[in-house]
Amino acid sequence: MRSLRSQLIVASVLWTGGLLLLMHLPTVLLHHVMPRFNSKYTHLIVLAGLLCMAAGFGIAGKSLRHLRQLREWVVAVRKGAEPRIEGDYPTEVQPLIESLNELIADREKAVARAHATAGDLAHGLKTPLALLKNADSPEAIDELVERMKRQVDYHLARPSGGIGR
């Protein structure tokens, strides 16, 4: 059982089964020990057991609601509808939320750097391209091509990496 949902369900069923056994044991003992035991108490004990069962499943459902909410936020961030993951999450999940938000911020910075690098490269190639258009000798063309090659090599060799790194 690798999914959290199946683990929570199995845990709830086991807990509830144990609770019912514990609730049933006093009832059986009271009926055998005290034959005049009023049957309305039996109904109250069974009702208490059912309420505990319902509470157990309600708590499990509430804990899963947080994970569904997290999934919806991640999908919204991936689609660009939301910039960050927000919401009120259990303490076990909160470190994951913080890490995901840090990852999103790092990716935004990387994209901004890539845009800046692309802009720098485009700006650096614009002048040689304009000169290349008007070049009249093979030597001038070779010089401009070499200049453009150096410009591209410079941007690819930068520590931040070129476009897309």
N, C-alpha and C. Protein backbone atom coordinates (compact mmCIF):
# COMPACT_ATOMS: atom_id res chain seq x y z
N MET A 1 0.85 -1.18 0.00
CA MET A 1 0.00 0.00 0.00
C MET A 1 0.89 1.24 0.00
N ARG A 2 1.02 1.84 -1.15
CA ARG A 2 1.89 2.99 -1.27
C ARG A 2 1.12 4.30 -1.19
N SER A 3 -0.17 4.27 -1.45
CA SER A 3 -0.91 5.52 -1.45
C SER A 3 -1.34 5.90 -0.03
N LEU A 4 -1.29 7.19 0.23
CA LEU A 4 -1.70 7.70 1.54
C LEU A 4 -3.17 7.39 1.80
N ARG A 5 -3.96 7.52 0.76
CA ARG A 5 -5.40 7.28 0.90
C ARG A 5 -5.66 5.85 1.37
N SER A 6 -5.06 4.86 0.73
CA SER A 6 -5.31 3.48 1.12
C SER A 6 -4.79 3.21 2.53
N GLN A 7 -3.67 3.80 2.88
CA GLN A 7 -3.16 3.63 4.23
C GLN A 7 -4.11 4.22 5.27
N LEU A 8 -4.63 5.41 4.97
CA LEU A 8 -5.57 6.03 5.91
C LEU A 8 -6.85 5.22 6.04
N ILE A 9 -7.34 4.68 4.94
CA ILE A 9 -8.57 3.90 4.98
C ILE A 9 -8.36 2.62 5.79
N VAL A 10 -7.26 1.93 5.50
CA VAL A 10 -6.98 0.69 6.24
C VAL A 10 -6.80 1.00 7.73
N ALA A 11 -6.07 2.06 8.02
CA ALA A 11 -5.88 2.44 9.43
C ALA A 11 -7.21 2.76 10.09
N SER A 12 -8.07 3.46 9.39
CA SER A 12 -9.38 3.80 9.95
C SER A 12 -10.23 2.56 10.18
N VAL A 13 -10.21 1.64 9.22
CA VAL A 13 -10.98 0.41 9.37
C VAL A 13 -10.46 -0.41 10.55
N LEU A 14 -9.14 -0.53 10.63
CA LEU A 14 -8.57 -1.29 11.75
C LEU A 14 -8.87 -0.63 13.08
N TRP A 15 -8.73 0.67 13.14
CA TRP A 15 -9.02 1.40 14.38
C TRP A 15 -10.48 1.22 14.76
N THR A 16 -11.35 1.36 13.76
CA THR A 16 -12.78 1.25 14.03
C THR A 16 -13.14 -0.17 14.46
N GLY A 17 -12.54 -1.17 13.78
CA GLY A 17 -12.81 -2.55 14.19
C GLY A 17 -12.37 -2.80 15.62
N GLY A 18 -11.21 -2.31 15.96
CA GLY A 18 -10.75 -2.45 17.34
C GLY A 18 -11.66 -1.74 18.32
N LEU A 19 -12.11 -0.57 17.93
CA LEU A 19 -13.01 0.18 18.79
C LEU A 19 -14.32 -0.57 19.00
N LEU A 20 -14.83 -1.14 17.93
CA LEU A 20 -16.08 -1.90 18.05
C LEU A 20 -15.91 -3.13 18.94
N LEU A 21 -14.75 -3.78 18.79
CA LEU A 21 -14.51 -4.93 19.66
C LEU A 21 -14.46 -4.49 21.12
N LEU A 22 -13.78 -3.39 21.37
CA LEU A 22 -13.70 -2.88 22.74
C LEU A 22 -15.08 -2.45 23.25
N MET A 23 -15.90 -1.91 22.35
CA MET A 23 -17.24 -1.48 22.76
C MET A 23 -18.15 -2.69 22.99
N HIS A 24 -17.93 -3.73 22.21
CA HIS A 24 -18.77 -4.92 22.32
C HIS A 24 -18.42 -5.73 23.57
N LEU A 25 -17.16 -5.76 23.94
CA LEU A 25 -16.72 -6.54 25.09
C LEU A 25 -17.44 -6.13 26.38
N PRO A 26 -17.50 -4.83 26.72
CA PRO A 26 -18.23 -4.48 27.95
C PRO A 26 -19.70 -4.86 27.89
N THR A 27 -20.30 -4.75 26.71
CA THR A 27 -21.72 -5.09 26.58
C THR A 27 -21.94 -6.57 26.87
N VAL A 28 -21.10 -7.42 26.29
CA VAL A 28 -21.23 -8.86 26.52
C VAL A 28 -21.00 -9.18 28.00
N LEU A 29 -19.96 -8.56 28.56
CA LEU A 29 -19.68 -8.83 29.97
C LEU A 29 -20.82 -8.37 30.86
N LEU A 30 -21.37 -7.20 30.56
CA LEU A 30 -22.47 -6.70 31.40
C LEU A 30 -23.71 -7.57 31.27
N HIS A 31 -23.98 -8.10 30.08
CA HIS A 31 -25.15 -8.98 29.92
C HIS A 31 -24.97 -10.29 30.67
N HIS A 32 -23.75 -10.82 30.67
CA HIS A 32 -23.52 -12.09 31.34
C HIS A 32 -23.32 -11.90 32.84
N VAL A 33 -22.71 -10.80 33.23
CA VAL A 33 -22.47 -10.56 34.65
C VAL A 33 -23.72 -10.03 35.31
N MET A 34 -24.39 -9.11 34.63
CA MET A 34 -25.59 -8.50 35.19
C MET A 34 -26.77 -8.79 34.26
N PRO A 35 -27.47 -9.89 34.48
CA PRO A 35 -28.56 -10.28 33.56
C PRO A 35 -29.67 -9.23 33.50
N ARG A 36 -29.81 -8.45 34.56
CA ARG A 36 -30.89 -7.46 34.56
C ARG A 36 -30.44 -6.14 33.91
N PHE A 37 -29.31 -6.17 33.20
CA PHE A 37 -28.79 -4.96 32.55
C PHE A 37 -29.81 -4.45 31.54
N ASN A 38 -30.10 -3.17 31.60
CA ASN A 38 -31.12 -2.56 30.74
C ASN A 38 -30.62 -2.49 29.29
N SER A 39 -31.45 -2.90 28.35
CA SER A 39 -31.05 -2.94 26.94
C SER A 39 -30.84 -1.55 26.35
N LYS A 40 -31.40 -0.52 26.99
CA LYS A 40 -31.18 0.83 26.43
C LYS A 40 -29.72 1.24 26.54
N TYR A 41 -29.00 0.70 27.52
CA TYR A 41 -27.57 1.00 27.63
C TYR A 41 -26.80 0.36 26.47
N THR A 42 -27.25 -0.82 26.06
CA THR A 42 -26.63 -1.48 24.92
C THR A 42 -26.75 -0.61 23.69
N HIS A 43 -27.91 -0.05 23.47
CA HIS A 43 -28.12 0.82 22.30
C HIS A 43 -27.24 2.07 22.39
N LEU A 44 -27.09 2.59 23.59
CA LEU A 44 -26.23 3.76 23.74
C LEU A 44 -24.77 3.44 23.43
N ILE A 45 -24.33 2.26 23.85
CA ILE A 45 -22.94 1.85 23.57
C ILE A 45 -22.74 1.65 22.07
N VAL A 46 -23.71 1.01 21.43
CA VAL A 46 -23.61 0.82 19.98
C VAL A 46 -23.63 2.18 19.27
N LEU A 47 -24.48 3.07 19.71
CA LEU A 47 -24.54 4.41 19.11
C LEU A 47 -23.22 5.15 19.29
N ALA A 48 -22.63 5.01 20.48
CA ALA A 48 -21.32 5.65 20.71
C ALA A 48 -20.27 5.07 19.77
N GLY A 49 -20.31 3.76 19.56
CA GLY A 49 -19.37 3.13 18.62
C GLY A 49 -19.56 3.64 17.21
N LEU A 50 -20.82 3.77 16.79
CA LEU A 50 -21.10 4.29 15.44
C LEU A 50 -20.63 5.74 15.30
N LEU A 51 -20.83 6.53 16.35
CA LEU A 51 -20.37 7.92 16.29
C LEU A 51 -18.84 8.00 16.19
N CYS A 52 -18.17 7.11 16.91
CA CYS A 52 -16.70 7.07 16.81
C CYS A 52 -16.26 6.67 15.41
N MET A 53 -16.97 5.72 14.81
CA MET A 53 -16.65 5.32 13.44
C MET A 53 -16.81 6.50 12.49
N ALA A 54 -17.93 7.18 12.62
CA ALA A 54 -18.19 8.33 11.74
C ALA A 54 -17.13 9.41 11.93
N ALA A 55 -16.75 9.64 13.17
CA ALA A 55 -15.72 10.64 13.44
C ALA A 55 -14.39 10.22 12.83
N GLY A 56 -14.05 8.94 12.92
CA GLY A 56 -12.81 8.45 12.33
C GLY A 56 -12.77 8.66 10.82
N PHE A 57 -13.85 8.32 10.15
CA PHE A 57 -13.89 8.53 8.71
C PHE A 57 -13.94 10.01 8.35
N GLY A 58 -14.59 10.81 9.18
CA GLY A 58 -14.60 12.26 8.93
C GLY A 58 -13.22 12.87 9.04
N ILE A 59 -12.48 12.45 10.04
CA ILE A 59 -11.11 12.96 10.22
C ILE A 59 -10.22 12.52 9.05
N ALA A 60 -10.36 11.27 8.63
CA ALA A 60 -9.57 10.79 7.49
C ALA A 60 -9.92 11.57 6.23
N GLY A 61 -11.20 11.84 6.02
CA GLY A 61 -11.61 12.62 4.85
C GLY A 61 -11.07 14.04 4.88
N LYS A 62 -11.06 14.63 6.07
CA LYS A 62 -10.53 15.99 6.21
C LYS A 62 -9.04 16.02 5.91
N SER A 63 -8.30 15.01 6.35
CA SER A 63 -6.87 14.98 6.08
C SER A 63 -6.60 14.81 4.59
N LEU A 64 -7.42 14.04 3.91
CA LEU A 64 -7.26 13.87 2.46
C LEU A 64 -7.66 15.14 1.70
N ARG A 65 -8.56 15.92 2.26
CA ARG A 65 -8.98 17.17 1.62
C ARG A 65 -7.79 18.10 1.42
N HIS A 66 -6.88 18.12 2.38
CA HIS A 66 -5.69 18.96 2.27
C HIS A 66 -4.82 18.54 1.09
N LEU A 67 -4.71 17.23 0.90
CA LEU A 67 -3.90 16.74 -0.22
C LEU A 67 -4.57 17.03 -1.56
N ARG A 68 -5.90 16.94 -1.60
CA ARG A 68 -6.61 17.30 -2.85
C ARG A 68 -6.43 18.79 -3.13
N GLN A 69 -6.49 19.60 -2.09
CA GLN A 69 -6.30 21.05 -2.25
C GLN A 69 -4.88 21.34 -2.75
N LEU A 70 -3.89 20.64 -2.22
CA LEU A 70 -2.51 20.81 -2.66
C LEU A 70 -2.38 20.45 -4.13
N ARG A 71 -2.99 19.36 -4.53
CA ARG A 71 -2.94 18.94 -5.94
C ARG A 71 -3.55 20.02 -6.84
N GLU A 72 -4.68 20.59 -6.43
CA GLU A 72 -5.32 21.63 -7.22
C GLU A 72 -4.42 22.86 -7.34
N TRP A 73 -3.73 23.23 -6.27
CA TRP A 73 -2.82 24.39 -6.32
C TRP A 73 -1.65 24.11 -7.26
N VAL A 74 -1.10 22.90 -7.20
CA VAL A 74 0.03 22.56 -8.07
C VAL A 74 -0.40 22.63 -9.53
N VAL A 75 -1.59 22.13 -9.84
CA VAL A 75 -2.10 22.20 -11.21
C VAL A 75 -2.28 23.66 -11.62
N ALA A 76 -2.80 24.49 -10.73
CA ALA A 76 -3.00 25.91 -11.03
C ALA A 76 -1.67 26.62 -11.26
N VAL A 77 -0.65 26.28 -10.48
CA VAL A 77 0.67 26.88 -10.67
C VAL A 77 1.25 26.43 -12.00
N ARG A 78 1.11 25.15 -12.32
CA ARG A 78 1.64 24.63 -13.58
C ARG A 78 0.97 25.30 -14.78
N LYS A 79 -0.32 25.59 -14.68
CA LYS A 79 -1.04 26.24 -15.77
C LYS A 79 -0.80 27.75 -15.80
N GLY A 80 -0.18 28.29 -14.76
CA GLY A 80 0.10 29.72 -14.71
C GLY A 80 -1.03 30.54 -14.11
N ALA A 81 -2.05 29.88 -13.59
CA ALA A 81 -3.18 30.59 -12.99
C ALA A 81 -2.83 31.15 -11.61
N GLU A 82 -1.89 30.52 -10.93
CA GLU A 82 -1.46 30.96 -9.60
C GLU A 82 0.06 31.05 -9.58
N PRO A 83 0.60 32.07 -8.89
CA PRO A 83 2.06 32.20 -8.85
C PRO A 83 2.72 31.30 -7.80
N ARG A 84 2.00 30.97 -6.75
CA ARG A 84 2.55 30.20 -5.62
C ARG A 84 1.49 29.24 -5.09
N ILE A 85 1.95 28.30 -4.28
CA ILE A 85 1.03 27.39 -3.59
C ILE A 85 0.70 28.02 -2.25
N GLU A 86 -0.57 28.19 -2.00
CA GLU A 86 -1.01 28.79 -0.75
C GLU A 86 -2.09 27.93 -0.13
N GLY A 87 -2.36 28.18 1.12
CA GLY A 87 -3.41 27.45 1.81
C GLY A 87 -2.95 27.03 3.20
N ASP A 88 -3.89 26.50 3.95
CA ASP A 88 -3.63 26.04 5.31
C ASP A 88 -3.47 24.53 5.27
N TYR A 89 -2.26 24.05 5.51
CA TYR A 89 -1.96 22.63 5.40
C TYR A 89 -1.48 22.08 6.73
N PRO A 90 -1.60 20.76 6.92
CA PRO A 90 -1.10 20.14 8.16
C PRO A 90 0.41 20.35 8.29
N THR A 91 0.90 20.27 9.50
CA THR A 91 2.32 20.53 9.76
C THR A 91 3.23 19.55 9.02
N GLU A 92 2.76 18.33 8.74
CA GLU A 92 3.59 17.37 8.01
C GLU A 92 3.77 17.78 6.55
N VAL A 93 2.81 18.50 6.00
CA VAL A 93 2.83 18.87 4.58
C VAL A 93 3.48 20.24 4.38
N GLN A 94 3.49 21.09 5.38
CA GLN A 94 3.98 22.45 5.23
C GLN A 94 5.41 22.55 4.72
N PRO A 95 6.36 21.70 5.18
CA PRO A 95 7.71 21.78 4.60
C PRO A 95 7.72 21.50 3.09
N LEU A 96 6.87 20.62 2.64
CA LEU A 96 6.76 20.35 1.20
C LEU A 96 6.27 21.59 0.46
N ILE A 97 5.29 22.29 1.03
CA ILE A 97 4.76 23.51 0.41
C ILE A 97 5.87 24.55 0.30
N GLU A 98 6.62 24.72 1.37
CA GLU A 98 7.71 25.71 1.35
C GLU A 98 8.76 25.35 0.32
N SER A 99 9.11 24.07 0.21
CA SER A 99 10.09 23.64 -0.78
C SER A 99 9.58 23.84 -2.20
N LEU A 100 8.31 23.54 -2.43
CA LEU A 100 7.74 23.75 -3.76
C LEU A 100 7.74 25.24 -4.12
N ASN A 101 7.40 26.09 -3.18
CA ASN A 101 7.40 27.53 -3.45
C ASN A 101 8.82 28.04 -3.72
N GLU A 102 9.82 27.50 -3.02
CA GLU A 102 11.21 27.87 -3.30
C GLU A 102 11.62 27.41 -4.69
N LEU A 103 11.19 26.22 -5.07
CA LEU A 103 11.48 25.71 -6.41
C LEU A 103 10.84 26.59 -7.48
N ILE A 104 9.61 27.01 -7.25
CA ILE A 104 8.92 27.90 -8.19
C ILE A 104 9.67 29.22 -8.31
N ALA A 105 10.12 29.78 -7.18
CA ALA A 105 10.87 31.04 -7.21
C ALA A 105 12.19 30.87 -7.96
N ASP A 106 12.88 29.75 -7.74
CA ASP A 106 14.14 29.49 -8.46
C ASP A 106 13.90 29.38 -9.96
N ARG A 107 12.83 28.72 -10.35
CA ARG A 107 12.50 28.58 -11.78
C ARG A 107 12.17 29.94 -12.39
N GLU A 108 11.46 30.77 -11.65
CA GLU A 108 11.14 32.11 -12.16
C GLU A 108 12.42 32.92 -12.39
N LYS A 109 13.37 32.81 -11.47
CA LYS A 109 14.65 33.51 -11.62
C LYS A 109 15.41 32.97 -12.83
N ALA A 110 15.40 31.65 -13.02
CA ALA A 110 16.10 31.04 -14.16
C ALA A 110 15.47 31.50 -15.47
N VAL A 111 14.17 31.58 -15.51
CA VAL A 111 13.49 32.05 -16.73
C VAL A 111 13.83 33.50 -16.99
N ALA A 112 13.86 34.32 -15.94
CA ALA A 112 14.21 35.74 -16.10
C ALA A 112 15.65 35.87 -16.62
N ARG A 113 16.57 35.05 -16.07
CA ARG A 113 17.95 35.08 -16.56
C ARG A 113 18.03 34.65 -18.03
N ALA A 114 17.26 33.63 -18.39
CA ALA A 114 17.27 33.16 -19.78
C ALA A 114 16.74 34.23 -20.73
N HIS A 115 15.69 34.94 -20.30
CA HIS A 115 15.17 36.04 -21.12
C HIS A 115 16.21 37.15 -21.27
N ALA A 116 16.88 37.47 -20.18
CA ALA A 116 17.91 38.52 -20.24
C ALA A 116 19.07 38.09 -21.15
N THR A 117 19.47 36.83 -21.04
CA THR A 117 20.55 36.32 -21.89
C THR A 117 20.14 36.35 -23.36
N ALA A 118 18.92 35.94 -23.64
CA ALA A 118 18.43 35.98 -25.03
C ALA A 118 18.40 37.41 -25.55
N GLY A 119 17.97 38.34 -24.70
CA GLY A 119 17.95 39.75 -25.09
C GLY A 119 19.35 40.28 -25.34
N ASP A 120 20.28 39.93 -24.46
CA ASP A 120 21.67 40.36 -24.65
C ASP A 120 22.25 39.81 -25.95
N LEU A 121 21.99 38.55 -26.22
CA LEU A 121 22.50 37.93 -27.44
C LEU A 121 21.88 38.57 -28.68
N ALA A 122 20.58 38.78 -28.64
CA ALA A 122 19.92 39.41 -29.79
C ALA A 122 20.46 40.82 -30.02
N HIS A 123 20.63 41.55 -28.94
CA HIS A 123 21.17 42.91 -29.07
C HIS A 123 22.60 42.88 -29.61
N GLY A 124 23.41 41.93 -29.14
CA GLY A 124 24.79 41.81 -29.59
C GLY A 124 24.91 41.39 -31.05
N LEU A 125 23.93 40.68 -31.56
CA LEU A 125 23.99 40.22 -32.95
C LEU A 125 23.34 41.20 -33.93
N LYS A 126 22.58 42.13 -33.40
CA LYS A 126 21.84 43.05 -34.27
C LYS A 126 22.78 43.92 -35.11
N THR A 127 23.78 44.50 -34.48
CA THR A 127 24.71 45.38 -35.22
C THR A 127 25.50 44.60 -36.26
N PRO A 128 26.13 43.45 -35.90
CA PRO A 128 26.85 42.70 -36.94
C PRO A 128 25.95 42.26 -38.10
N LEU A 129 24.71 41.92 -37.80
CA LEU A 129 23.80 41.53 -38.88
C LEU A 129 23.51 42.70 -39.81
N ALA A 130 23.32 43.88 -39.24
CA ALA A 130 23.08 45.06 -40.06
C ALA A 130 24.30 45.36 -40.92
N LEU A 131 25.49 45.23 -40.34
CA LEU A 131 26.72 45.46 -41.11
C LEU A 131 26.92 44.38 -42.17
N LEU A 132 26.55 43.16 -41.85
CA LEU A 132 26.68 42.05 -42.78
C LEU A 132 25.83 42.27 -44.02
N LYS A 133 24.69 42.85 -43.80
CA LYS A 133 23.79 43.14 -44.91
C LYS A 133 24.45 44.07 -45.93
N ASN A 134 25.28 44.99 -45.45
CA ASN A 134 25.91 45.97 -46.32
C ASN A 134 27.37 45.65 -46.63
N ALA A 135 27.86 44.49 -46.18
CA ALA A 135 29.26 44.14 -46.41
C ALA A 135 29.50 43.91 -47.90
N ASP A 136 30.65 44.39 -48.36
CA ASP A 136 30.92 44.29 -49.79
C ASP A 136 32.10 43.40 -50.13
N SER A 137 32.80 42.89 -49.13
CA SER A 137 33.95 42.03 -49.43
C SER A 137 33.87 40.76 -48.60
N PRO A 138 34.46 39.69 -49.12
CA PRO A 138 34.46 38.43 -48.35
C PRO A 138 35.17 38.57 -47.01
N GLU A 139 36.23 39.41 -46.98
CA GLU A 139 36.96 39.59 -45.72
C GLU A 139 36.08 40.27 -44.68
N ALA A 140 35.29 41.25 -45.09
CA ALA A 140 34.38 41.95 -44.16
C ALA A 140 33.31 40.99 -43.66
N ILE A 141 32.81 40.14 -44.55
CA ILE A 141 31.79 39.15 -44.15
C ILE A 141 32.40 38.16 -43.16
N ASP A 142 33.61 37.67 -43.45
CA ASP A 142 34.27 36.74 -42.54
C ASP A 142 34.49 37.37 -41.17
N GLU A 143 34.89 38.64 -41.14
CA GLU A 143 35.12 39.34 -39.88
C GLU A 143 33.83 39.48 -39.07
N LEU A 144 32.74 39.83 -39.76
CA LEU A 144 31.45 39.98 -39.06
C LEU A 144 30.93 38.63 -38.57
N VAL A 145 31.10 37.59 -39.37
CA VAL A 145 30.67 36.25 -38.94
C VAL A 145 31.48 35.81 -37.72
N GLU A 146 32.78 36.06 -37.74
CA GLU A 146 33.63 35.71 -36.60
C GLU A 146 33.21 36.49 -35.36
N ARG A 147 32.86 37.75 -35.52
CA ARG A 147 32.39 38.59 -34.40
C ARG A 147 31.09 38.02 -33.82
N MET A 148 30.20 37.60 -34.70
CA MET A 148 28.94 37.02 -34.24
C MET A 148 29.18 35.69 -33.53
N LYS A 149 30.11 34.89 -34.05
CA LYS A 149 30.44 33.62 -33.42
C LYS A 149 31.00 33.84 -32.02
N ARG A 150 31.87 34.83 -31.85
CA ARG A 150 32.42 35.14 -30.52
C ARG A 150 31.31 35.56 -29.57
N GLN A 151 30.36 36.34 -30.08
CA GLN A 151 29.24 36.80 -29.26
C GLN A 151 28.41 35.61 -28.76
N VAL A 152 28.12 34.68 -29.66
CA VAL A 152 27.35 33.49 -29.28
C VAL A 152 28.16 32.64 -28.30
N ASP A 153 29.44 32.42 -28.59
CA ASP A 153 30.29 31.62 -27.69
C ASP A 153 30.38 32.25 -26.30
N TYR A 154 30.45 33.57 -26.24
CA TYR A 154 30.51 34.27 -24.96
C TYR A 154 29.26 33.96 -24.13
N HIS A 155 28.09 34.06 -24.74
CA HIS A 155 26.85 33.83 -24.00
C HIS A 155 26.68 32.37 -23.60
N LEU A 156 27.16 31.47 -24.43
CA LEU A 156 27.05 30.05 -24.09
C LEU A 156 28.03 29.66 -22.98
N ALA A 157 29.14 30.37 -22.87
CA ALA A 157 30.16 30.05 -21.87
C ALA A 157 29.92 30.73 -20.52
N ARG A 158 28.94 31.60 -20.42
CA ARG A 158 28.70 32.29 -19.15
C ARG A 158 28.29 31.31 -18.07
N PRO A 159 28.64 31.61 -16.80
CA PRO A 159 28.31 30.70 -15.69
C PRO A 159 26.82 30.44 -15.56
N SER A 160 26.00 31.43 -15.86
CA SER A 160 24.55 31.22 -15.76
C SER A 160 24.07 30.32 -16.87
N GLY A 161 24.97 30.04 -17.79
CA GLY A 161 24.59 29.20 -18.92
C GLY A 161 23.93 30.03 -19.98
N GLY A 162 23.80 29.45 -21.10
CA GLY A 162 23.14 30.15 -22.19
C GLY A 162 21.64 30.04 -22.02
N ILE A 163 20.96 30.22 -23.08
CA ILE A 163 19.50 30.14 -23.06
C ILE A 163 19.10 28.71 -22.76
N GLY A 164 18.22 28.56 -21.79
CA GLY A 164 17.70 27.25 -21.46
C GLY A 164 18.55 26.44 -20.49
N ARG A 165 19.63 26.98 -19.99
CA ARG A 165 20.44 26.22 -19.00
C ARG A 165 20.12 26.64 -17.62
